[in-house]
Amino acid sequence: MSVYDTYMGPGDRSLPRSEIEGFQPISRIGEIVINAFVDPYEWNALEGRPDDQTQTPRFHEWATVQPGMVCVTKKQRSNWHANMNAQTCMPVIACAYKMKAEDEKNYQYAGVARTKSVRTADDGLGPTTDEPFTLAIGGMVTCLNNGTANIAAGDMVEWTFSVEQGSKRRRITTPRRIVLKTASALSTKIVGRALSFAKPGEPIDILLKQ
């Protein structure tokens, strides 16, 4: 497993930084955005699936989205009409908990989170925060290289639910996130082209594929 596959994007406070460094996204010139929300049906569908040997997250941990996180959407969903948000927003997920490589064929790339959607613990009375957030589907974005290999400037980058065996160091207990890695030219999961070099755990600038 990657050390960084549970970090919540390039702005995660757990990333190693000095006292004066922080998350600074790349220019938003030319960006294209779309509204989105985390699909609660996907959370319900996780019940009964084999565990991926990580701590079972609560819904507010699973559904929280931070800027720079890659989001995917389910293919050929037939029950979107039952959710009012789906009339104006795209249903997506940003968490790879219990997801494996064989599940990738059922999902497609949606975009990269531009704004955050921090969910609070449900007190039984329903959500207390707004669900929608915005996705960048064009232009330049800053993400986190949360895989196990370096990504060089000019490389095509794709998303994946699985990560190769990497460091044995203990990981934090938040759920796994969707991982970025170098892609082949024939990949159907391409996010975009890298504009900078990044080692695992470092921010990376990407020109999104449209």
C-alpha atoms as a PDB file:
ATOM      1  CA  MET A   1       0.000   0.000   0.000  1.00  0.00           C
ATOM      2  CA  SER A   2       1.070   3.600  -0.558  1.00  0.00           C
ATOM      3  CA  VAL A   3       1.868   5.756   2.453  1.00  0.00           C
ATOM      4  CA  TYR A   4      -0.103   8.607   0.899  1.00  0.00           C
ATOM      5  CA  ASP A   5      -3.224   6.864  -0.463  1.00  0.00           C
ATOM      6  CA  THR A   6      -5.280   7.983   2.556  1.00  0.00           C
ATOM      7  CA  TYR A   7      -4.334  11.670   2.432  1.00  0.00           C
ATOM      8  CA  MET A   8      -7.084  14.112   1.455  1.00  0.00           C
ATOM      9  CA  GLY A   9      -5.500  15.932  -1.447  1.00  0.00           C
ATOM     10  CA  PRO A  10      -2.541  18.327  -1.641  1.00  0.00           C
ATOM     11  CA  GLY A  11      -3.877  20.474   1.218  1.00  0.00           C
ATOM     12  CA  ASP A  12      -3.897  17.687   3.828  1.00  0.00           C
ATOM     13  CA  ARG A  13      -2.382  18.953   7.079  1.00  0.00           C
ATOM     14  CA  SER A  14      -0.685  15.612   7.719  1.00  0.00           C
ATOM     15  CA  LEU A  15       1.676  16.051   4.766  1.00  0.00           C
ATOM     16  CA  PRO A  16       5.300  16.853   5.701  1.00  0.00           C
ATOM     17  CA  ARG A  17       5.830  20.589   5.303  1.00  0.00           C
ATOM     18  CA  SER A  18       7.755  23.342   6.997  1.00  0.00           C
ATOM     19  CA  GLU A  19       6.094  26.008   9.127  1.00  0.00           C
ATOM     20  CA  ILE A  20       5.847  28.454   6.216  1.00  0.00           C
ATOM     21  CA  GLU A  21       4.827  26.083   3.411  1.00  0.00           C
ATOM     22  CA  GLY A  22       1.209  25.510   2.489  1.00  0.00           C
ATOM     23  CA  PHE A  23      -1.131  24.439  -0.302  1.00  0.00           C
ATOM     24  CA  GLN A  24      -1.074  26.873  -3.221  1.00  0.00           C
ATOM     25  CA  PRO A  25      -3.092  25.744  -6.266  1.00  0.00           C
ATOM     26  CA  ILE A  26      -1.958  26.504  -9.787  1.00  0.00           C
ATOM     27  CA  SER A  27      -3.579  29.291 -11.831  1.00  0.00           C
ATOM     28  CA  ARG A  28      -7.305  28.950 -12.497  1.00  0.00           C
ATOM     29  CA  ILE A  29      -7.094  30.707 -15.859  1.00  0.00           C
ATOM     30  CA  GLY A  30      -9.144  28.808 -18.426  1.00  0.00           C
ATOM     31  CA  GLU A  31     -10.733  26.432 -15.953  1.00  0.00           C
ATOM     32  CA  ILE A  32     -14.119  24.803 -16.618  1.00  0.00           C
ATOM     33  CA  VAL A  33     -16.255  23.768 -13.662  1.00  0.00           C
ATOM     34  CA  ILE A  34     -19.367  21.733 -12.962  1.00  0.00           C
ATOM     35  CA  ASN A  35     -21.468  21.227  -9.822  1.00  0.00           C
ATOM     36  CA  ALA A  36     -21.238  17.860  -8.065  1.00  0.00           C
ATOM     37  CA  PHE A  37     -22.248  16.044  -4.886  1.00  0.00           C
ATOM     38  CA  VAL A  38     -21.131  12.840  -3.183  1.00  0.00           C
ATOM     39  CA  ASP A  39     -23.467   9.997  -4.158  1.00  0.00           C
ATOM     40  CA  PRO A  40     -24.953   8.458  -0.962  1.00  0.00           C
ATOM     41  CA  TYR A  41     -26.182   5.390  -2.903  1.00  0.00           C
ATOM     42  CA  GLU A  42     -22.559   4.339  -3.314  1.00  0.00           C
ATOM     43  CA  TRP A  43     -22.084   4.331   0.465  1.00  0.00           C
ATOM     44  CA  ASN A  44     -25.102   2.061   0.900  1.00  0.00           C
ATOM     45  CA  ALA A  45     -23.768  -0.291  -1.773  1.00  0.00           C
ATOM     46  CA  LEU A  46     -20.595  -0.904   0.266  1.00  0.00           C
ATOM     47  CA  GLU A  47     -22.475  -2.952   2.863  1.00  0.00           C
ATOM     48  CA  GLY A  48     -21.635  -6.623   2.608  1.00  0.00           C
ATOM     49  CA  ARG A  49     -18.571  -6.120   0.403  1.00  0.00           C
ATOM     50  CA  PRO A  50     -15.267  -7.643   1.589  1.00  0.00           C
ATOM     51  CA  ASP A  51     -13.220  -5.278   3.737  1.00  0.00           C
ATOM     52  CA  ASP A  52      -9.960  -3.892   2.317  1.00  0.00           C
ATOM     53  CA  GLN A  53      -8.216  -4.262   5.687  1.00  0.00           C
ATOM     54  CA  THR A  54      -8.530  -0.611   6.639  1.00  0.00           C
ATOM     55  CA  GLN A  55     -10.550   0.855   9.448  1.00  0.00           C
ATOM     56  CA  THR A  56     -14.210   1.127   8.502  1.00  0.00           C
ATOM     57  CA  PRO A  57     -14.928   4.860   8.074  1.00  0.00           C
ATOM     58  CA  ARG A  58     -18.050   6.696   9.112  1.00  0.00           C
ATOM     59  CA  PHE A  59     -20.147   8.309   6.408  1.00  0.00           C
ATOM     60  CA  HIS A  60     -18.883  11.832   7.101  1.00  0.00           C
ATOM     61  CA  GLU A  61     -15.288  10.594   6.695  1.00  0.00           C
ATOM     62  CA  TRP A  62     -16.124   8.736   3.488  1.00  0.00           C
ATOM     63  CA  ALA A  63     -18.122  11.609   1.959  1.00  0.00           C
ATOM     64  CA  THR A  64     -15.831  14.542   2.798  1.00  0.00           C
ATOM     65  CA  VAL A  65     -14.108  16.059  -0.250  1.00  0.00           C
ATOM     66  CA  GLN A  66     -11.171  18.480  -0.268  1.00  0.00           C
ATOM     67  CA  PRO A  67      -9.722  20.507  -3.185  1.00  0.00           C
ATOM     68  CA  GLY A  68      -7.392  18.510  -5.406  1.00  0.00           C
ATOM     69  CA  MET A  69      -9.060  15.132  -4.861  1.00  0.00           C
ATOM     70  CA  VAL A  70      -9.945  13.104  -7.968  1.00  0.00           C
ATOM     71  CA  CYS A  71     -13.632  12.180  -8.314  1.00  0.00           C
ATOM     72  CA  VAL A  72     -15.287   9.472 -10.404  1.00  0.00           C
ATOM     73  CA  THR A  73     -18.906   8.725 -11.239  1.00  0.00           C
ATOM     74  CA  LYS A  74     -20.794   5.473 -11.702  1.00  0.00           C
ATOM     75  CA  LYS A  75     -21.560   4.445 -15.273  1.00  0.00           C
ATOM     76  CA  GLN A  76     -25.161   3.900 -16.423  1.00  0.00           C
ATOM     77  CA  ARG A  77     -26.864   4.745 -13.157  1.00  0.00           C
ATOM     78  CA  SER A  78     -30.648   4.304 -13.327  1.00  0.00           C
ATOM     79  CA  ASN A  79     -31.656   5.736  -9.941  1.00  0.00           C
ATOM     80  CA  TRP A  80     -30.280   9.283 -10.273  1.00  0.00           C
ATOM     81  CA  HIS A  81     -33.802  10.596 -10.862  1.00  0.00           C
ATOM     82  CA  ALA A  82     -34.664   9.734  -7.243  1.00  0.00           C
ATOM     83  CA  ASN A  83     -32.172  12.313  -5.966  1.00  0.00           C
ATOM     84  CA  MET A  84     -33.128  15.964  -6.461  1.00  0.00           C
ATOM     85  CA  ASN A  85     -29.466  17.038  -6.432  1.00  0.00           C
ATOM     86  CA  ALA A  86     -28.831  14.953  -9.541  1.00  0.00           C
ATOM     87  CA  GLN A  87     -30.973  17.326 -11.596  1.00  0.00           C
ATOM     88  CA  THR A  88     -28.351  20.077 -11.312  1.00  0.00           C
ATOM     89  CA  CYS A  89     -25.228  18.300 -10.026  1.00  0.00           C
ATOM     90  CA  MET A  90     -23.164  15.255 -10.978  1.00  0.00           C
ATOM     91  CA  PRO A  91     -23.198  12.349  -8.466  1.00  0.00           C
ATOM     92  CA  VAL A  92     -19.596  11.360  -7.711  1.00  0.00           C
ATOM     93  CA  ILE A  93     -17.390   9.587  -5.179  1.00  0.00           C
ATOM     94  CA  ALA A  94     -13.921  10.598  -4.017  1.00  0.00           C
ATOM     95  CA  CYS A  95     -13.191   7.638  -1.747  1.00  0.00           C
ATOM     96  CA  ALA A  96     -11.840   4.222  -2.774  1.00  0.00           C
ATOM     97  CA  TYR A  97     -12.799   2.379   0.406  1.00  0.00           C
ATOM     98  CA  LYS A  98     -13.543  -1.304  -0.440  1.00  0.00           C
ATOM     99  CA  MET A  99     -12.924  -0.558  -4.121  1.00  0.00           C
ATOM    100  CA  LYS A 100     -10.620  -2.836  -6.099  1.00  0.00           C
ATOM    101  CA  ALA A 101      -9.112  -2.894  -9.582  1.00  0.00           C
ATOM    102  CA  GLU A 102     -11.976  -4.995 -10.960  1.00  0.00           C
ATOM    103  CA  ASP A 103     -14.455  -2.268  -9.968  1.00  0.00           C
ATOM    104  CA  GLU A 104     -12.823   0.354 -12.196  1.00  0.00           C
ATOM    105  CA  LYS A 105     -14.778  -0.781 -15.274  1.00  0.00           C
ATOM    106  CA  ASN A 106     -17.995   0.425 -13.599  1.00  0.00           C
ATOM    107  CA  TYR A 107     -16.772   3.999 -13.084  1.00  0.00           C
ATOM    108  CA  GLN A 108     -15.551   6.868 -15.213  1.00  0.00           C
ATOM    109  CA  TYR A 109     -13.499   9.971 -14.514  1.00  0.00           C
ATOM    110  CA  ALA A 110     -15.630  12.952 -13.440  1.00  0.00           C
ATOM    111  CA  GLY A 111     -13.204  15.728 -12.508  1.00  0.00           C
ATOM    112  CA  VAL A 112     -10.978  17.141  -9.769  1.00  0.00           C
ATOM    113  CA  ALA A 113     -12.512  18.808  -6.717  1.00  0.00           C
ATOM    114  CA  ARG A 114     -12.189  22.595  -6.903  1.00  0.00           C
ATOM    115  CA  THR A 115     -13.970  23.440  -3.654  1.00  0.00           C
ATOM    116  CA  LYS A 116     -14.430  21.451  -0.459  1.00  0.00           C
ATOM    117  CA  SER A 117     -17.451  19.635   0.939  1.00  0.00           C
ATOM    118  CA  VAL A 118     -16.751  18.859   4.590  1.00  0.00           C
ATOM    119  CA  ARG A 119     -19.445  16.642   6.046  1.00  0.00           C
ATOM    120  CA  THR A 120     -20.120  16.680   9.767  1.00  0.00           C
ATOM    121  CA  ALA A 121     -21.040  13.697  11.912  1.00  0.00           C
ATOM    122  CA  ASP A 122     -24.790  13.058  11.578  1.00  0.00           C
ATOM    123  CA  ASP A 123     -26.645  13.598  14.848  1.00  0.00           C
ATOM    124  CA  GLY A 124     -29.721  11.746  13.610  1.00  0.00           C
ATOM    125  CA  LEU A 125     -31.504  14.897  12.418  1.00  0.00           C
ATOM    126  CA  GLY A 126     -30.019  14.878   8.944  1.00  0.00           C
ATOM    127  CA  PRO A 127     -27.186  16.820   7.267  1.00  0.00           C
ATOM    128  CA  THR A 128     -26.331  20.255   8.646  1.00  0.00           C
ATOM    129  CA  THR A 129     -24.057  21.394   5.815  1.00  0.00           C
ATOM    130  CA  ASP A 130     -24.480  21.947   2.085  1.00  0.00           C
ATOM    131  CA  GLU A 131     -23.624  18.908  -0.008  1.00  0.00           C
ATOM    132  CA  PRO A 132     -22.755  20.391  -3.441  1.00  0.00           C
ATOM    133  CA  PHE A 133     -19.242  21.415  -4.411  1.00  0.00           C
ATOM    134  CA  THR A 134     -17.559  22.234  -7.724  1.00  0.00           C
ATOM    135  CA  LEU A 135     -15.411  20.027  -9.929  1.00  0.00           C
ATOM    136  CA  ALA A 136     -12.787  21.243 -12.371  1.00  0.00           C
ATOM    137  CA  ILE A 137     -13.285  19.463 -15.694  1.00  0.00           C
ATOM    138  CA  GLY A 138     -10.971  21.661 -17.759  1.00  0.00           C
ATOM    139  CA  GLY A 139      -7.914  23.835 -17.253  1.00  0.00           C
ATOM    140  CA  MET A 140      -5.105  23.321 -14.726  1.00  0.00           C
ATOM    141  CA  VAL A 141      -5.352  21.833 -11.229  1.00  0.00           C
ATOM    142  CA  THR A 142      -3.036  20.915  -8.362  1.00  0.00           C
ATOM    143  CA  CYS A 143      -3.367  17.359  -7.044  1.00  0.00           C
ATOM    144  CA  LEU A 144      -1.330  15.063  -4.813  1.00  0.00           C
ATOM    145  CA  ASN A 145       0.864  12.237  -6.083  1.00  0.00           C
ATOM    146  CA  ASN A 146      -0.580   9.681  -3.672  1.00  0.00           C
ATOM    147  CA  GLY A 147       0.795   6.655  -5.494  1.00  0.00           C
ATOM    148  CA  THR A 148       4.056   4.742  -5.044  1.00  0.00           C
ATOM    149  CA  ALA A 149       6.053   6.043  -8.044  1.00  0.00           C
ATOM    150  CA  ASN A 150       7.382   9.337  -9.336  1.00  0.00           C
ATOM    151  CA  ILE A 151       5.406  11.256 -11.952  1.00  0.00           C
ATOM    152  CA  ALA A 152       7.429  13.337 -14.411  1.00  0.00           C
ATOM    153  CA  ALA A 153       6.438  16.447 -16.315  1.00  0.00           C
ATOM    154  CA  GLY A 154       4.775  15.466 -19.582  1.00  0.00           C
ATOM    155  CA  ASP A 155       3.534  12.084 -18.347  1.00  0.00           C
ATOM    156  CA  MET A 156      -0.074  11.145 -18.931  1.00  0.00           C
ATOM    157  CA  VAL A 157      -1.777  10.603 -15.558  1.00  0.00           C
ATOM    158  CA  GLU A 158      -4.660   8.239 -14.809  1.00  0.00           C
ATOM    159  CA  TRP A 159      -6.802   7.375 -11.777  1.00  0.00           C
ATOM    160  CA  THR A 160      -7.007   3.976 -10.136  1.00  0.00           C
ATOM    161  CA  PHE A 161      -8.635   2.306  -7.135  1.00  0.00           C
ATOM    162  CA  SER A 162      -5.656   0.013  -6.537  1.00  0.00           C
ATOM    163  CA  VAL A 163      -2.106   0.795  -5.466  1.00  0.00           C
ATOM    164  CA  GLU A 164       1.025  -1.280  -5.808  1.00  0.00           C
ATOM    165  CA  GLN A 165       2.852  -2.602  -2.784  1.00  0.00           C
ATOM    166  CA  GLY A 166       5.015   0.165  -1.382  1.00  0.00           C
ATOM    167  CA  SER A 167       6.275   1.322   1.983  1.00  0.00           C
ATOM    168  CA  LYS A 168       5.569  -0.771   5.073  1.00  0.00           C
ATOM    169  CA  ARG A 169       5.278   2.285   7.301  1.00  0.00           C
ATOM    170  CA  ARG A 170       2.067   2.609   9.252  1.00  0.00           C
ATOM    171  CA  ARG A 171      -0.605   4.598   7.446  1.00  0.00           C
ATOM    172  CA  ILE A 172      -3.172   6.927   8.950  1.00  0.00           C
ATOM    173  CA  THR A 173      -6.591   5.368   9.525  1.00  0.00           C
ATOM    174  CA  THR A 174      -8.762   7.527   7.269  1.00  0.00           C
ATOM    175  CA  PRO A 175     -10.244   5.720   4.221  1.00  0.00           C
ATOM    176  CA  ARG A 176      -8.307   5.177   1.021  1.00  0.00           C
ATOM    177  CA  ARG A 177      -8.629   7.798  -1.702  1.00  0.00           C
ATOM    178  CA  ILE A 178      -8.505   7.503  -5.484  1.00  0.00           C
ATOM    179  CA  VAL A 179      -4.865   7.224  -6.538  1.00  0.00           C
ATOM    180  CA  LEU A 180      -2.993   8.920  -9.394  1.00  0.00           C
ATOM    181  CA  LYS A 181      -0.312   7.158 -11.411  1.00  0.00           C
ATOM    182  CA  THR A 182       1.417   7.320 -14.790  1.00  0.00           C
ATOM    183  CA  ALA A 183      -0.801   6.117 -17.644  1.00  0.00           C
ATOM    184  CA  SER A 184      -0.256   4.570 -21.042  1.00  0.00           C
ATOM    185  CA  ALA A 185      -1.465   6.303 -24.180  1.00  0.00           C
ATOM    186  CA  LEU A 186      -4.269   3.751 -24.574  1.00  0.00           C
ATOM    187  CA  SER A 187      -5.663   4.132 -21.063  1.00  0.00           C
ATOM    188  CA  THR A 188      -9.391   4.869 -20.709  1.00  0.00           C
ATOM    189  CA  LYS A 189      -8.912   6.403 -17.246  1.00  0.00           C
ATOM    190  CA  ILE A 190      -6.741   9.407 -18.156  1.00  0.00           C
ATOM    191  CA  VAL A 191      -7.095  12.494 -15.970  1.00  0.00           C
ATOM    192  CA  GLY A 192      -4.665  14.723 -17.857  1.00  0.00           C
ATOM    193  CA  ARG A 193      -1.002  15.509 -18.490  1.00  0.00           C
ATOM    194  CA  ALA A 194       1.462  16.326 -15.718  1.00  0.00           C
ATOM    195  CA  LEU A 195       2.934  19.835 -15.839  1.00  0.00           C
ATOM    196  CA  SER A 196       5.485  19.275 -13.065  1.00  0.00           C
ATOM    197  CA  PHE A 197       7.568  16.545 -11.453  1.00  0.00           C
ATOM    198  CA  ALA A 198       6.338  14.998  -8.208  1.00  0.00           C
ATOM    199  CA  LYS A 199       7.616  12.283  -5.917  1.00  0.00           C
ATOM    200  CA  PRO A 200       5.076  10.288  -3.859  1.00  0.00           C
ATOM    201  CA  GLY A 201       3.513  12.644  -1.325  1.00  0.00           C
ATOM    202  CA  GLU A 202       4.282  15.837  -3.296  1.00  0.00           C
ATOM    203  CA  PRO A 203       1.815  18.190  -5.041  1.00  0.00           C
ATOM    204  CA  ILE A 204       1.621  17.907  -8.817  1.00  0.00           C
ATOM    205  CA  ASP A 205       0.156  20.295 -11.397  1.00  0.00           C
ATOM    206  CA  ILE A 206      -1.984  18.686 -14.094  1.00  0.00           C
ATOM    207  CA  LEU A 207      -3.555  19.954 -17.316  1.00  0.00           C
ATOM    208  CA  LEU A 208      -6.925  18.212 -17.346  1.00  0.00           C
ATOM    209  CA  LYS A 209      -8.103  16.196 -20.316  1.00  0.00           C
ATOM    210  CA  GLN A 210     -11.369  17.405 -21.873  1.00  0.00           C
END
